[in-house]
Amino acid sequence: MKTMTIRALRQRWPEAEAALQLETEILITRDSKPVAKLVRVEIQPAQRKHWNPEEHRKWIKKVYGGRVFSSSDDELAADRAERSLI
């Protein structure tokens, strides 16, 4: 395990970052006493689920049941008709 002082870490960050590519962790010291551990994080790409319309329909049915909501199309059309375009 590699060790670095806090001062060296601040002043030579690119070296510390490069060392993390080889080491799994770096021990950070102050006055020759360990105060922290810097560890490498391996970021994995997120596995995003693709949208499935059938599952979405089932979810909507589960959440809203058989309720039918009125359409807002008529209200929007009336509101837009009242506005005048300049």
PDB file of N, CA and C in Angstrom:
ATOM      1  N   MET A   1       0.855  -1.171   0.000  1.00  0.00           N
ATOM      2  CA  MET A   1       0.000   0.000   0.000  1.00  0.00           C
ATOM      3  C   MET A   1       0.895   1.226   0.000  1.00  0.00           C
ATOM      4  N   LYS A   2       0.610   2.144  -0.880  1.00  0.00           N
ATOM      5  CA  LYS A   2       1.365   3.384  -1.009  1.00  0.00           C
ATOM      6  C   LYS A   2       0.890   4.380   0.047  1.00  0.00           C
ATOM      7  N   THR A   3       1.820   5.204   0.541  1.00  0.00           N
ATOM      8  CA  THR A   3       1.466   6.257   1.490  1.00  0.00           C
ATOM      9  C   THR A   3       1.860   7.604   0.916  1.00  0.00           C
ATOM     10  N   MET A   4       1.069   8.627   1.250  1.00  0.00           N
ATOM     11  CA  MET A   4       1.348  10.004   0.844  1.00  0.00           C
ATOM     12  C   MET A   4       0.963  10.918   1.987  1.00  0.00           C
ATOM     13  N   THR A   5       1.643  12.033   2.072  1.00  0.00           N
ATOM     14  CA  THR A   5       1.249  13.032   3.065  1.00  0.00           C
ATOM     15  C   THR A   5       0.113  13.859   2.488  1.00  0.00           C
ATOM     16  N   ILE A   6      -0.580  14.559   3.366  1.00  0.00           N
ATOM     17  CA  ILE A   6      -1.669  15.430   2.910  1.00  0.00           C
ATOM     18  C   ILE A   6      -1.118  16.495   1.980  1.00  0.00           C
ATOM     19  N   ARG A   7       0.036  17.047   2.335  1.00  0.00           N
ATOM     20  CA  ARG A   7       0.645  18.090   1.515  1.00  0.00           C
ATOM     21  C   ARG A   7       0.995  17.564   0.122  1.00  0.00           C
ATOM     22  N   ALA A   8       1.595  16.383   0.072  1.00  0.00           N
ATOM     23  CA  ALA A   8       1.953  15.798  -1.221  1.00  0.00           C
ATOM     24  C   ALA A   8       0.712  15.510  -2.049  1.00  0.00           C
ATOM     25  N   LEU A   9      -0.338  15.097  -1.396  1.00  0.00           N
ATOM     26  CA  LEU A   9      -1.592  14.816  -2.100  1.00  0.00           C
ATOM     27  C   LEU A   9      -2.153  16.076  -2.745  1.00  0.00           C
ATOM     28  N   ARG A  10      -2.123  17.182  -1.991  1.00  0.00           N
ATOM     29  CA  ARG A  10      -2.638  18.440  -2.532  1.00  0.00           C
ATOM     30  C   ARG A  10      -1.768  18.968  -3.664  1.00  0.00           C
ATOM     31  N   GLN A  11      -0.463  18.886  -3.496  1.00  0.00           N
ATOM     32  CA  GLN A  11       0.445  19.479  -4.475  1.00  0.00           C
ATOM     33  C   GLN A  11       0.687  18.588  -5.687  1.00  0.00           C
ATOM     34  N   ARG A  12       0.550  17.282  -5.530  1.00  0.00           N
ATOM     35  CA  ARG A  12       0.847  16.366  -6.631  1.00  0.00           C
ATOM     36  C   ARG A  12      -0.321  15.411  -6.868  1.00  0.00           C
ATOM     37  N   TRP A  13      -1.503  15.976  -7.039  1.00  0.00           N
ATOM     38  CA  TRP A  13      -2.689  15.158  -7.256  1.00  0.00           C
ATOM     39  C   TRP A  13      -2.575  14.261  -8.486  1.00  0.00           C
ATOM     40  N   PRO A  14      -2.043  14.754  -9.626  1.00  0.00           N
ATOM     41  CA  PRO A  14      -1.951  13.861 -10.791  1.00  0.00           C
ATOM     42  C   PRO A  14      -1.131  12.602 -10.503  1.00  0.00           C
ATOM     43  N   GLU A  15      -0.086  12.729  -9.692  1.00  0.00           N
ATOM     44  CA  GLU A  15       0.702  11.552  -9.326  1.00  0.00           C
ATOM     45  C   GLU A  15      -0.117  10.590  -8.470  1.00  0.00           C
ATOM     46  N   ALA A  16      -0.896  11.135  -7.554  1.00  0.00           N
ATOM     47  CA  ALA A  16      -1.739  10.290  -6.698  1.00  0.00           C
ATOM     48  C   ALA A  16      -2.791   9.581  -7.533  1.00  0.00           C
ATOM     49  N   GLU A  17      -3.355  10.304  -8.487  1.00  0.00           N
ATOM     50  CA  GLU A  17      -4.379   9.706  -9.348  1.00  0.00           C
ATOM     51  C   GLU A  17      -3.776   8.589 -10.203  1.00  0.00           C
ATOM     52  N   ALA A  18      -2.566   8.818 -10.695  1.00  0.00           N
ATOM     53  CA  ALA A  18      -1.891   7.780 -11.481  1.00  0.00           C
ATOM     54  C   ALA A  18      -1.548   6.580 -10.600  1.00  0.00           C
ATOM     55  N   ALA A  19      -1.155   6.838  -9.352  1.00  0.00           N
ATOM     56  CA  ALA A  19      -0.825   5.742  -8.440  1.00  0.00           C
ATOM     57  C   ALA A  19      -2.054   4.906  -8.132  1.00  0.00           C
ATOM     58  N   LEU A  20      -3.218   5.529  -8.111  1.00  0.00           N
ATOM     59  CA  LEU A  20      -4.454   4.784  -7.851  1.00  0.00           C
ATOM     60  C   LEU A  20      -4.795   3.824  -8.988  1.00  0.00           C
ATOM     61  N   GLN A  21      -4.251   4.072 -10.164  1.00  0.00           N
ATOM     62  CA  GLN A  21      -4.483   3.143 -11.263  1.00  0.00           C
ATOM     63  C   GLN A  21      -3.735   1.835 -11.017  1.00  0.00           C
ATOM     64  N   LEU A  22      -2.611   1.914 -10.286  1.00  0.00           N
ATOM     65  CA  LEU A  22      -1.818   0.729  -9.988  1.00  0.00           C
ATOM     66  C   LEU A  22      -2.169   0.119  -8.640  1.00  0.00           C
ATOM     67  N   GLU A  23      -2.386   0.975  -7.655  1.00  0.00           N
ATOM     68  CA  GLU A  23      -2.701   0.526  -6.295  1.00  0.00           C
ATOM     69  C   GLU A  23      -4.209   0.548  -6.102  1.00  0.00           C
ATOM     70  N   THR A  24      -4.706  -0.237  -5.160  1.00  0.00           N
ATOM     71  CA  THR A  24      -6.145  -0.181  -4.868  1.00  0.00           C
ATOM     72  C   THR A  24      -6.454   0.898  -3.841  1.00  0.00           C
ATOM     73  N   GLU A  25      -5.453   1.266  -3.038  1.00  0.00           N
ATOM     74  CA  GLU A  25      -5.674   2.312  -2.037  1.00  0.00           C
ATOM     75  C   GLU A  25      -4.370   2.998  -1.696  1.00  0.00           C
ATOM     76  N   ILE A  26      -4.481   4.252  -1.220  1.00  0.00           N
ATOM     77  CA  ILE A  26      -3.335   5.041  -0.774  1.00  0.00           C
ATOM     78  C   ILE A  26      -3.632   5.508   0.642  1.00  0.00           C
ATOM     79  N   LEU A  27      -2.679   5.326   1.529  1.00  0.00           N
ATOM     80  CA  LEU A  27      -2.832   5.756   2.916  1.00  0.00           C
ATOM     81  C   LEU A  27      -2.347   7.199   3.014  1.00  0.00           C
ATOM     82  N   ILE A  28      -3.177   8.082   3.525  1.00  0.00           N
ATOM     83  CA  ILE A  28      -2.852   9.496   3.668  1.00  0.00           C
ATOM     84  C   ILE A  28      -2.387   9.729   5.107  1.00  0.00           C
ATOM     85  N   THR A  29      -1.248  10.410   5.241  1.00  0.00           N
ATOM     86  CA  THR A  29      -0.676  10.626   6.579  1.00  0.00           C
ATOM     87  C   THR A  29      -0.506  12.110   6.878  1.00  0.00           C
ATOM     88  N   ARG A  30      -0.496  12.413   8.166  1.00  0.00           N
ATOM     89  CA  ARG A  30      -0.167  13.744   8.680  1.00  0.00           C
ATOM     90  C   ARG A  30       0.741  13.511   9.880  1.00  0.00           C
ATOM     91  N   ASP A  31       1.908  14.122   9.865  1.00  0.00           N
ATOM     92  CA  ASP A  31       2.893  13.934  10.930  1.00  0.00           C
ATOM     93  C   ASP A  31       3.191  12.447  11.132  1.00  0.00           C
ATOM     94  N   SER A  32       3.327  11.746  10.037  1.00  0.00           N
ATOM     95  CA  SER A  32       3.645  10.311  10.007  1.00  0.00           C
ATOM     96  C   SER A  32       2.578   9.427  10.642  1.00  0.00           C
ATOM     97  N   LYS A  33       1.393   9.964  10.848  1.00  0.00           N
ATOM     98  CA  LYS A  33       0.293   9.178  11.400  1.00  0.00           C
ATOM     99  C   LYS A  33      -0.816   9.076  10.350  1.00  0.00           C
ATOM    100  N   PRO A  34      -1.355   7.890  10.151  1.00  0.00           N
ATOM    101  CA  PRO A  34      -2.432   7.749   9.161  1.00  0.00           C
ATOM    102  C   PRO A  34      -3.691   8.500   9.586  1.00  0.00           C
ATOM    103  N   VAL A  35      -4.255   9.248   8.622  1.00  0.00           N
ATOM    104  CA  VAL A  35      -5.478  10.002   8.907  1.00  0.00           C
ATOM    105  C   VAL A  35      -6.616   9.646   7.954  1.00  0.00           C
ATOM    106  N   ALA A  36      -6.268   9.087   6.794  1.00  0.00           N
ATOM    107  CA  ALA A  36      -7.321   8.765   5.827  1.00  0.00           C
ATOM    108  C   ALA A  36      -6.815   7.707   4.860  1.00  0.00           C
ATOM    109  N   LYS A  37      -7.757   7.136   4.139  1.00  0.00           N
ATOM    110  CA  LYS A  37      -7.430   6.145   3.120  1.00  0.00           C
ATOM    111  C   LYS A  37      -8.140   6.557   1.838  1.00  0.00           C
ATOM    112  N   LEU A  38      -7.383   6.669   0.774  1.00  0.00           N
ATOM    113  CA  LEU A  38      -7.921   7.019  -0.530  1.00  0.00           C
ATOM    114  C   LEU A  38      -8.042   5.730  -1.326  1.00  0.00           C
ATOM    115  N   VAL A  39      -9.258   5.406  -1.749  1.00  0.00           N
ATOM    116  CA  VAL A  39      -9.477   4.147  -2.460  1.00  0.00           C
ATOM    117  C   VAL A  39      -9.964   4.413  -3.877  1.00  0.00           C
ATOM    118  N   ARG A  40      -9.661   3.498  -4.760  1.00  0.00           N
ATOM    119  CA  ARG A  40     -10.073   3.603  -6.155  1.00  0.00           C
ATOM    120  C   ARG A  40     -11.536   3.161  -6.262  1.00  0.00           C
ATOM    121  N   VAL A  41     -12.289   3.929  -7.010  1.00  0.00           N
ATOM    122  CA  VAL A  41     -13.688   3.596  -7.263  1.00  0.00           C
ATOM    123  C   VAL A  41     -13.797   3.153  -8.710  1.00  0.00           C
ATOM    124  N   GLU A  42     -14.342   1.991  -8.902  1.00  0.00           N
ATOM    125  CA  GLU A  42     -14.553   1.497 -10.254  1.00  0.00           C
ATOM    126  C   GLU A  42     -16.003   1.746 -10.632  1.00  0.00           C
ATOM    127  N   ILE A  43     -16.181   2.653 -11.545  1.00  0.00           N
ATOM    128  CA  ILE A  43     -17.528   3.030 -11.962  1.00  0.00           C
ATOM    129  C   ILE A  43     -17.976   2.106 -13.076  1.00  0.00           C
ATOM    130  N   GLN A  44     -19.099   1.488 -12.862  1.00  0.00           N
ATOM    131  CA  GLN A  44     -19.667   0.604 -13.869  1.00  0.00           C
ATOM    132  C   GLN A  44     -20.832   1.317 -14.532  1.00  0.00           C
ATOM    133  N   PRO A  45     -20.978   1.155 -15.821  1.00  0.00           N
ATOM    134  CA  PRO A  45     -22.100   1.806 -16.490  1.00  0.00           C
ATOM    135  C   PRO A  45     -23.432   1.285 -15.940  1.00  0.00           C
ATOM    136  N   ALA A  46     -24.343   2.198 -15.772  1.00  0.00           N
ATOM    137  CA  ALA A  46     -25.646   1.836 -15.219  1.00  0.00           C
ATOM    138  C   ALA A  46     -26.408   0.957 -16.202  1.00  0.00           C
ATOM    139  N   GLN A  47     -27.023  -0.057 -15.677  1.00  0.00           N
ATOM    140  CA  GLN A  47     -27.847  -0.929 -16.489  1.00  0.00           C
ATOM    141  C   GLN A  47     -29.276  -0.403 -16.432  1.00  0.00           C
ATOM    142  N   ARG A  48     -29.628   0.353 -17.419  1.00  0.00           N
ATOM    143  CA  ARG A  48     -30.943   0.969 -17.451  1.00  0.00           C
ATOM    144  C   ARG A  48     -31.933   0.052 -18.158  1.00  0.00           C
ATOM    145  N   LYS A  49     -33.088  -0.129 -17.527  1.00  0.00           N
ATOM    146  CA  LYS A  49     -34.112  -0.962 -18.136  1.00  0.00           C
ATOM    147  C   LYS A  49     -34.766  -0.202 -19.290  1.00  0.00           C
ATOM    148  N   HIS A  50     -35.025  -0.922 -20.348  1.00  0.00           N
ATOM    149  CA  HIS A  50     -35.726  -0.329 -21.479  1.00  0.00           C
ATOM    150  C   HIS A  50     -37.204  -0.209 -21.146  1.00  0.00           C
ATOM    151  N   TRP A  51     -37.830   0.829 -21.702  1.00  0.00           N
ATOM    152  CA  TRP A  51     -39.245   1.070 -21.441  1.00  0.00           C
ATOM    153  C   TRP A  51     -40.069   0.000 -22.146  1.00  0.00           C
ATOM    154  N   ASN A  52     -40.936  -0.615 -21.367  1.00  0.00           N
ATOM    155  CA  ASN A  52     -41.794  -1.662 -21.897  1.00  0.00           C
ATOM    156  C   ASN A  52     -43.235  -1.172 -21.790  1.00  0.00           C
ATOM    157  N   PRO A  53     -43.896  -0.918 -22.916  1.00  0.00           N
ATOM    158  CA  PRO A  53     -45.254  -0.379 -22.870  1.00  0.00           C
ATOM    159  C   PRO A  53     -46.244  -1.310 -22.173  1.00  0.00           C
ATOM    160  N   GLU A  54     -46.042  -2.600 -22.282  1.00  0.00           N
ATOM    161  CA  GLU A  54     -46.957  -3.553 -21.650  1.00  0.00           C
ATOM    162  C   GLU A  54     -46.840  -3.469 -20.128  1.00  0.00           C
ATOM    163  N   GLU A  55     -45.600  -3.407 -19.618  1.00  0.00           N
ATOM    164  CA  GLU A  55     -45.414  -3.245 -18.168  1.00  0.00           C
ATOM    165  C   GLU A  55     -45.977  -1.919 -17.683  1.00  0.00           C
ATOM    166  N   HIS A  56     -45.814  -0.868 -18.493  1.00  0.00           N
ATOM    167  CA  HIS A  56     -46.337   0.448 -18.115  1.00  0.00           C
ATOM    168  C   HIS A  56     -47.865   0.415 -18.045  1.00  0.00           C
ATOM    169  N   ARG A  57     -48.478  -0.257 -18.999  1.00  0.00           N
ATOM    170  CA  ARG A  57     -49.942  -0.373 -18.984  1.00  0.00           C
ATOM    171  C   ARG A  57     -50.414  -1.099 -17.727  1.00  0.00           C
ATOM    172  N   LYS A  58     -49.700  -2.166 -17.359  1.00  0.00           N
ATOM    173  CA  LYS A  58     -50.061  -2.900 -16.140  1.00  0.00           C
ATOM    174  C   LYS A  58     -49.893  -2.024 -14.907  1.00  0.00           C
ATOM    175  N   TRP A  59     -48.825  -1.215 -14.885  1.00  0.00           N
ATOM    176  CA  TRP A  59     -48.592  -0.319 -13.749  1.00  0.00           C
ATOM    177  C   TRP A  59     -49.710   0.718 -13.646  1.00  0.00           C
ATOM    178  N   ILE A  60     -50.077   1.306 -14.789  1.00  0.00           N
ATOM    179  CA  ILE A  60     -51.165   2.302 -14.801  1.00  0.00           C
ATOM    180  C   ILE A  60     -52.447   1.673 -14.280  1.00  0.00           C
ATOM    181  N   LYS A  61     -52.752   0.464 -14.721  1.00  0.00           N
ATOM    182  CA  LYS A  61     -53.971  -0.215 -14.278  1.00  0.00           C
ATOM    183  C   LYS A  61     -53.911  -0.495 -12.779  1.00  0.00           C
ATOM    184  N   LYS A  62     -52.739  -0.875 -12.278  1.00  0.00           N
ATOM    185  CA  LYS A  62     -52.587  -1.158 -10.845  1.00  0.00           C
ATOM    186  C   LYS A  62     -52.761   0.117 -10.018  1.00  0.00           C
ATOM    187  N   VAL A  63     -52.172   1.203 -10.473  1.00  0.00           N
ATOM    188  CA  VAL A  63     -52.207   2.457  -9.710  1.00  0.00           C
ATOM    189  C   VAL A  63     -53.579   3.121  -9.796  1.00  0.00           C
ATOM    190  N   TYR A  64     -54.120   3.225 -10.997  1.00  0.00           N
ATOM    191  CA  TYR A  64     -55.363   3.974 -11.190  1.00  0.00           C
ATOM    192  C   TYR A  64     -56.599   3.091 -11.264  1.00  0.00           C
ATOM    193  N   GLY A  65     -56.408   1.797 -11.351  1.00  0.00           N
ATOM    194  CA  GLY A  65     -57.555   0.903 -11.413  1.00  0.00           C
ATOM    195  C   GLY A  65     -58.348   1.137 -12.682  1.00  0.00           C
ATOM    196  N   GLY A  66     -59.672   1.128 -12.543  1.00  0.00           N
ATOM    197  CA  GLY A  66     -60.527   1.315 -13.702  1.00  0.00           C
ATOM    198  C   GLY A  66     -61.009   2.743 -13.856  1.00  0.00           C
ATOM    199  N   ARG A  67     -60.443   3.670 -13.077  1.00  0.00           N
ATOM    200  CA  ARG A  67     -60.899   5.064 -13.157  1.00  0.00           C
ATOM    201  C   ARG A  67     -60.629   5.655 -14.532  1.00  0.00           C
ATOM    202  N   VAL A  68     -61.582   6.410 -15.016  1.00  0.00           N
ATOM    203  CA  VAL A  68     -61.451   7.084 -16.297  1.00  0.00           C
ATOM    204  C   VAL A  68     -61.392   8.572 -16.011  1.00  0.00           C
ATOM    205  N   PHE A  69     -60.414   9.217 -16.580  1.00  0.00           N
ATOM    206  CA  PHE A  69     -60.236  10.652 -16.373  1.00  0.00           C
ATOM    207  C   PHE A  69     -60.686  11.388 -17.615  1.00  0.00           C
ATOM    208  N   SER A  70     -61.320  12.514 -17.379  1.00  0.00           N
ATOM    209  CA  SER A  70     -61.793  13.295 -18.517  1.00  0.00           C
ATOM    210  C   SER A  70     -60.594  13.887 -19.259  1.00  0.00           C
ATOM    211  N   SER A  71     -60.770  14.045 -20.535  1.00  0.00           N
ATOM    212  CA  SER A  71     -59.709  14.600 -21.359  1.00  0.00           C
ATOM    213  C   SER A  71     -59.656  16.108 -21.178  1.00  0.00           C
ATOM    214  N   SER A  72     -58.499  16.662 -21.233  1.00  0.00           N
ATOM    215  CA  SER A  72     -58.348  18.112 -21.098  1.00  0.00           C
ATOM    216  C   SER A  72     -58.291  18.782 -22.461  1.00  0.00           C
ATOM    217  N   ASP A  73     -58.492  18.024 -23.529  1.00  0.00           N
ATOM    218  CA  ASP A  73     -58.388  18.574 -24.879  1.00  0.00           C
ATOM    219  C   ASP A  73     -59.391  19.693 -25.123  1.00  0.00           C
ATOM    220  N   ASP A  74     -60.632  19.511 -24.689  1.00  0.00           N
ATOM    221  CA  ASP A  74     -61.659  20.532 -24.926  1.00  0.00           C
ATOM    222  C   ASP A  74     -61.327  21.817 -24.186  1.00  0.00           C
ATOM    223  N   GLU A  75     -60.870  21.693 -22.935  1.00  0.00           N
ATOM    224  CA  GLU A  75     -60.527  22.880 -22.143  1.00  0.00           C
ATOM    225  C   GLU A  75     -59.322  23.605 -22.740  1.00  0.00           C
ATOM    226  N   LEU A  76     -58.336  22.854 -23.211  1.00  0.00           N
ATOM    227  CA  LEU A  76     -57.173  23.482 -23.831  1.00  0.00           C
ATOM    228  C   LEU A  76     -57.555  24.201 -25.116  1.00  0.00           C
ATOM    229  N   ALA A  77     -58.401  23.569 -25.917  1.00  0.00           N
ATOM    230  CA  ALA A  77     -58.827  24.185 -27.172  1.00  0.00           C
ATOM    231  C   ALA A  77     -59.592  25.480 -26.901  1.00  0.00           C
ATOM    232  N   ALA A  78     -60.458  25.475 -25.892  1.00  0.00           N
ATOM    233  CA  ALA A  78     -61.218  26.684 -25.563  1.00  0.00           C
ATOM    234  C   ALA A  78     -60.293  27.778 -25.060  1.00  0.00           C
ATOM    235  N   ASP A  79     -59.310  27.426 -24.240  1.00  0.00           N
ATOM    236  CA  ASP A  79     -58.379  28.414 -23.707  1.00  0.00           C
ATOM    237  C   ASP A  79     -57.537  29.012 -24.834  1.00  0.00           C
ATOM    238  N   ARG A  80     -57.103  28.185 -25.774  1.00  0.00           N
ATOM    239  CA  ARG A  80     -56.294  28.673 -26.865  1.00  0.00           C
ATOM    240  C   ARG A  80     -57.105  29.557 -27.808  1.00  0.00           C
ATOM    241  N   ALA A  81     -58.398  29.256 -27.945  1.00  0.00           N
ATOM    242  CA  ALA A  81     -59.254  30.053 -28.822  1.00  0.00           C
ATOM    243  C   ALA A  81     -59.459  31.459 -28.267  1.00  0.00           C
ATOM    244  N   GLU A  82     -59.435  31.604 -26.935  1.00  0.00           N
ATOM    245  CA  GLU A  82     -59.628  32.909 -26.312  1.00  0.00           C
ATOM    246  C   GLU A  82     -58.416  33.810 -26.496  1.00  0.00           C
ATOM    247  N   ARG A  83     -57.221  33.201 -26.622  1.00  0.00           N
ATOM    248  CA  ARG A  83     -56.001  34.004 -26.813  1.00  0.00           C
ATOM    249  C   ARG A  83     -55.918  34.509 -28.238  1.00  0.00           C
ATOM    250  N   SER A  84     -55.407  35.705 -28.363  1.00  0.00           N
ATOM    251  CA  SER A  84     -55.214  36.233 -29.708  1.00  0.00           C
ATOM    252  C   SER A  84     -53.714  36.332 -29.988  1.00  0.00           C
ATOM    253  N   LEU A  85     -53.361  35.968 -31.179  1.00  0.00           N
ATOM    254  CA  LEU A  85     -51.957  36.053 -31.586  1.00  0.00           C
ATOM    255  C   LEU A  85     -51.716  37.424 -32.195  1.00  0.00           C
ATOM    256  N   ILE A  86     -50.717  38.077 -31.736  1.00  0.00           N
ATOM    257  CA  ILE A  86     -50.440  39.432 -32.231  1.00  0.00           C
ATOM    258  C   ILE A  86     -49.446  39.378 -33.358  1.00  0.00           C
TER     259      ILE A  86
END
